[in-house]
């Protein structure tokens, strides 16, 4: 069990240090009068996308397969992050990333590193969907040309079962066959009734 008191103390020290860094950066822009308010607002604005994303996941999570849930999370985070940047532009009149860099260069560097990794993960998730779509399309076209056309012409098909087995294995490895809602809603009577309605 982690030592919660120690973690809490470290969190308080970290947040105090971050707020002091933000306050020093904002003091240059706003002067001394509104520094504390601006630093607190900037800290809250950084956490706002995370809170909104958490609320969205709790609401929509049980109804979606894992891959689609991850894509929804990434897209929702990007939308909320963009809205937060737009709010910073409206509030400060400055370019948002430059403002964040001026306020706290270290926090800016860490944020950009984390966002770069998140964006790479998002692209990989999108790539998985693309691979499933391309492989499925290729298998369908192969079937249409090699099996269906020849069957309509009365000829023996030139299909090879290995092609379809490989396509199926790729689709299963990349996308894991689409799960039914029932698997995610299992457990409650209300959820079962909702599944029957859909």
Foldseek 3Di string as FASTA:
>chain_A
DDDVVVVVVVVVVVLVVQLVLLLVLVCVVPNDPCSNVVSVVVVVLVCVLVVVLVVVCVVCVLQADPLVSLLVSLVSSVVSVVVSQVVCCVVRVDRRLVSVCSSHVVVSVVVVVVVVVSVVVNVLSVVLVVQLVVLVVVVVVCCVPQPVVCVVVVHDGPDDVVSVVVSVVSNCVSPNPGDQSCVSQPDDPVSVVVSVVD
